[in-house]
Amino acid sequence: MAQYYSGFLLAVPTANKQAYIDMAHKAWAVFKDFGCLGMYENWGVDVPDGKVTSFPMAVQKKEDETVVFSWMVWPDRETADKGFEAMMKDPRMKDLPQMPFDGMRMKWGGFEEILAVRAD
């Protein structure tokens, strides 16, 4: 069966890079307990502004922010759905630091794998 992905696009104040990394490390400890197979956090280094649409436009990036593109890998959608539900009830989530970004501008979605290839 194909894997399932939870994808995220957000703008993080550039000054909060380390706070974001620290938050992600702490969150991973919770996510993996609920079946997440992997988590990938990617700090934008070549994310151009667009004329019609772009990653920066999608998240309403401000001058002092950096675009972050991340995803979580799950064995299937059912595990992801149950995992997110369980996480919201898990007391460890309250122990996570405050999000070092504006969550209202974060974009997210769930994706089913349709092709996976690698050059090994």
C-alpha atoms as a PDB file:
ATOM      1  CA  MET A   1       0.000   0.000   0.000  1.00  0.00           C
ATOM      2  CA  ALA A   2       1.221   3.516  -0.832  1.00  0.00           C
ATOM      3  CA  GLN A   3       2.241   5.858   1.940  1.00  0.00           C
ATOM      4  CA  TYR A   4       0.355   8.981   2.965  1.00  0.00           C
ATOM      5  CA  TYR A   5       1.857  12.444   3.418  1.00  0.00           C
ATOM      6  CA  SER A   6       0.821  15.449   5.475  1.00  0.00           C
ATOM      7  CA  GLY A   7       2.300  18.528   3.810  1.00  0.00           C
ATOM      8  CA  PHE A   8       2.826  21.998   5.238  1.00  0.00           C
ATOM      9  CA  LEU A   9       3.855  25.380   3.851  1.00  0.00           C
ATOM     10  CA  LEU A  10       4.486  28.276   6.217  1.00  0.00           C
ATOM     11  CA  ALA A  11       6.441  31.471   6.786  1.00  0.00           C
ATOM     12  CA  VAL A  12       8.704  31.617   9.829  1.00  0.00           C
ATOM     13  CA  PRO A  13      10.374  34.798  11.058  1.00  0.00           C
ATOM     14  CA  THR A  14      13.991  34.316  10.024  1.00  0.00           C
ATOM     15  CA  ALA A  15      15.129  35.230  13.541  1.00  0.00           C
ATOM     16  CA  ASN A  16      13.078  32.280  14.864  1.00  0.00           C
ATOM     17  CA  LYS A  17      14.891  29.589  12.852  1.00  0.00           C
ATOM     18  CA  GLN A  18      16.434  27.875  15.885  1.00  0.00           C
ATOM     19  CA  ALA A  19      13.173  28.125  17.860  1.00  0.00           C
ATOM     20  CA  TYR A  20      11.403  26.439  14.931  1.00  0.00           C
ATOM     21  CA  ILE A  21      14.015  23.661  14.798  1.00  0.00           C
ATOM     22  CA  ASP A  22      13.729  23.136  18.563  1.00  0.00           C
ATOM     23  CA  MET A  23       9.916  22.969  18.350  1.00  0.00           C
ATOM     24  CA  ALA A  24      10.112  20.470  15.477  1.00  0.00           C
ATOM     25  CA  HIS A  25      12.466  18.190  17.429  1.00  0.00           C
ATOM     26  CA  LYS A  26      10.128  18.171  20.425  1.00  0.00           C
ATOM     27  CA  ALA A  27       7.069  17.595  18.236  1.00  0.00           C
ATOM     28  CA  TRP A  28       8.734  14.622  16.533  1.00  0.00           C
ATOM     29  CA  ALA A  29       8.888  12.797  19.868  1.00  0.00           C
ATOM     30  CA  VAL A  30       5.081  12.930  19.948  1.00  0.00           C
ATOM     31  CA  PHE A  31       4.406  12.332  16.240  1.00  0.00           C
ATOM     32  CA  LYS A  32       6.446   9.135  16.050  1.00  0.00           C
ATOM     33  CA  ASP A  33       4.518   7.664  19.005  1.00  0.00           C
ATOM     34  CA  PHE A  34       1.333   7.934  16.938  1.00  0.00           C
ATOM     35  CA  GLY A  35       2.644   6.165  13.853  1.00  0.00           C
ATOM     36  CA  CYS A  36       4.441   8.866  11.894  1.00  0.00           C
ATOM     37  CA  LEU A  37       7.281   7.257   9.927  1.00  0.00           C
ATOM     38  CA  GLY A  38       9.267  10.390   9.166  1.00  0.00           C
ATOM     39  CA  MET A  39       9.234  14.165   9.367  1.00  0.00           C
ATOM     40  CA  TYR A  40      11.063  16.523   7.015  1.00  0.00           C
ATOM     41  CA  GLU A  41      11.516  20.231   7.750  1.00  0.00           C
ATOM     42  CA  ASN A  42      13.030  22.323   4.959  1.00  0.00           C
ATOM     43  CA  TRP A  43      14.217  25.927   5.316  1.00  0.00           C
ATOM     44  CA  GLY A  44      13.802  27.956   2.131  1.00  0.00           C
ATOM     45  CA  VAL A  45      17.017  29.102   0.466  1.00  0.00           C
ATOM     46  CA  ASP A  46      15.837  29.554  -3.137  1.00  0.00           C
ATOM     47  CA  VAL A  47      12.139  30.447  -3.000  1.00  0.00           C
ATOM     48  CA  PRO A  48      11.493  33.260  -5.470  1.00  0.00           C
ATOM     49  CA  ASP A  49       8.604  35.669  -5.364  1.00  0.00           C
ATOM     50  CA  GLY A  50       6.095  35.182  -8.140  1.00  0.00           C
ATOM     51  CA  LYS A  51       4.075  37.490 -10.328  1.00  0.00           C
ATOM     52  CA  VAL A  52       0.836  35.474 -10.222  1.00  0.00           C
ATOM     53  CA  THR A  53       1.468  32.864  -7.545  1.00  0.00           C
ATOM     54  CA  SER A  54       4.370  31.481  -5.521  1.00  0.00           C
ATOM     55  CA  PHE A  55       5.217  29.899  -2.197  1.00  0.00           C
ATOM     56  CA  PRO A  56       5.936  33.328  -0.639  1.00  0.00           C
ATOM     57  CA  MET A  57       2.613  34.686  -1.905  1.00  0.00           C
ATOM     58  CA  ALA A  58       0.706  31.623  -0.679  1.00  0.00           C
ATOM     59  CA  VAL A  59       1.845  32.180   2.917  1.00  0.00           C
ATOM     60  CA  GLN A  60       1.839  35.996   2.724  1.00  0.00           C
ATOM     61  CA  LYS A  61       5.557  36.018   3.531  1.00  0.00           C
ATOM     62  CA  LYS A  62       6.855  39.213   5.103  1.00  0.00           C
ATOM     63  CA  GLU A  63      10.283  40.721   4.437  1.00  0.00           C
ATOM     64  CA  ASP A  64      11.796  39.284   7.645  1.00  0.00           C
ATOM     65  CA  GLU A  65      10.429  35.741   7.119  1.00  0.00           C
ATOM     66  CA  THR A  66      11.586  32.563   5.414  1.00  0.00           C
ATOM     67  CA  VAL A  67       9.366  29.992   3.701  1.00  0.00           C
ATOM     68  CA  VAL A  68       9.384  26.513   5.257  1.00  0.00           C
ATOM     69  CA  PHE A  69       8.216  23.457   3.328  1.00  0.00           C
ATOM     70  CA  SER A  70       7.671  20.339   5.397  1.00  0.00           C
ATOM     71  CA  TRP A  71       5.994  16.974   5.311  1.00  0.00           C
ATOM     72  CA  MET A  72       5.266  14.001   7.479  1.00  0.00           C
ATOM     73  CA  VAL A  73       5.232  10.431   6.187  1.00  0.00           C
ATOM     74  CA  TRP A  74       2.577   8.015   7.407  1.00  0.00           C
ATOM     75  CA  PRO A  75       1.913   4.379   6.519  1.00  0.00           C
ATOM     76  CA  ASP A  76      -1.630   5.345   5.417  1.00  0.00           C
ATOM     77  CA  ARG A  77      -4.320   7.985   5.831  1.00  0.00           C
ATOM     78  CA  GLU A  78      -6.094   6.104   8.602  1.00  0.00           C
ATOM     79  CA  THR A  79      -2.950   6.157  10.746  1.00  0.00           C
ATOM     80  CA  ALA A  80      -2.446   9.866  10.027  1.00  0.00           C
ATOM     81  CA  ASP A  81      -6.044  10.751  10.899  1.00  0.00           C
ATOM     82  CA  LYS A  82      -5.951   8.734  14.120  1.00  0.00           C
ATOM     83  CA  GLY A  83      -2.504  10.113  14.945  1.00  0.00           C
ATOM     84  CA  PHE A  84      -3.559  13.759  14.593  1.00  0.00           C
ATOM     85  CA  GLU A  85      -6.678  13.125  16.651  1.00  0.00           C
ATOM     86  CA  ALA A  86      -4.662  11.436  19.398  1.00  0.00           C
ATOM     87  CA  MET A  87      -2.019  14.177  19.353  1.00  0.00           C
ATOM     88  CA  MET A  88      -4.606  16.850  20.089  1.00  0.00           C
ATOM     89  CA  LYS A  89      -5.484  14.977  23.300  1.00  0.00           C
ATOM     90  CA  ASP A  90      -1.916  14.149  24.293  1.00  0.00           C
ATOM     91  CA  PRO A  91      -0.709  16.210  27.289  1.00  0.00           C
ATOM     92  CA  ARG A  92       2.811  16.408  25.775  1.00  0.00           C
ATOM     93  CA  MET A  93       1.445  18.743  23.108  1.00  0.00           C
ATOM     94  CA  LYS A  94       0.814  21.335  25.823  1.00  0.00           C
ATOM     95  CA  ASP A  95       4.496  21.103  26.772  1.00  0.00           C
ATOM     96  CA  LEU A  96       5.643  22.117  23.294  1.00  0.00           C
ATOM     97  CA  PRO A  97       6.918  25.665  22.948  1.00  0.00           C
ATOM     98  CA  GLN A  98       4.595  28.238  21.420  1.00  0.00           C
ATOM     99  CA  MET A  99       4.669  28.111  17.614  1.00  0.00           C
ATOM    100  CA  PRO A 100       7.406  30.531  16.468  1.00  0.00           C
ATOM    101  CA  PHE A 101       5.325  31.533  13.409  1.00  0.00           C
ATOM    102  CA  ASP A 102       1.839  32.727  12.482  1.00  0.00           C
ATOM    103  CA  GLY A 103      -0.193  29.520  12.238  1.00  0.00           C
ATOM    104  CA  MET A 104      -3.067  31.360  10.548  1.00  0.00           C
ATOM    105  CA  ARG A 105      -0.947  31.681   7.390  1.00  0.00           C
ATOM    106  CA  MET A 106       0.145  28.032   7.363  1.00  0.00           C
ATOM    107  CA  LYS A 107      -1.152  25.874   4.499  1.00  0.00           C
ATOM    108  CA  TRP A 108      -1.547  22.120   4.930  1.00  0.00           C
ATOM    109  CA  GLY A 109      -3.075  19.108   3.306  1.00  0.00           C
ATOM    110  CA  GLY A 110      -2.995  15.328   3.029  1.00  0.00           C
ATOM    111  CA  PHE A 111      -1.615  13.555  -0.014  1.00  0.00           C
ATOM    112  CA  GLU A 112      -1.678   9.991  -1.294  1.00  0.00           C
ATOM    113  CA  GLU A 113       1.446   8.762  -2.995  1.00  0.00           C
ATOM    114  CA  ILE A 114       1.047   8.126  -6.723  1.00  0.00           C
ATOM    115  CA  LEU A 115       4.691   7.685  -7.699  1.00  0.00           C
ATOM    116  CA  ALA A 116       7.858   7.032  -5.713  1.00  0.00           C
ATOM    117  CA  VAL A 117      11.189   6.660  -7.526  1.00  0.00           C
ATOM    118  CA  ARG A 118      14.784   7.067  -6.396  1.00  0.00           C
ATOM    119  CA  ALA A 119      18.207   6.951  -7.966  1.00  0.00           C
ATOM    120  CA  ASP A 120      20.075   4.707  -5.543  1.00  0.00           C
END
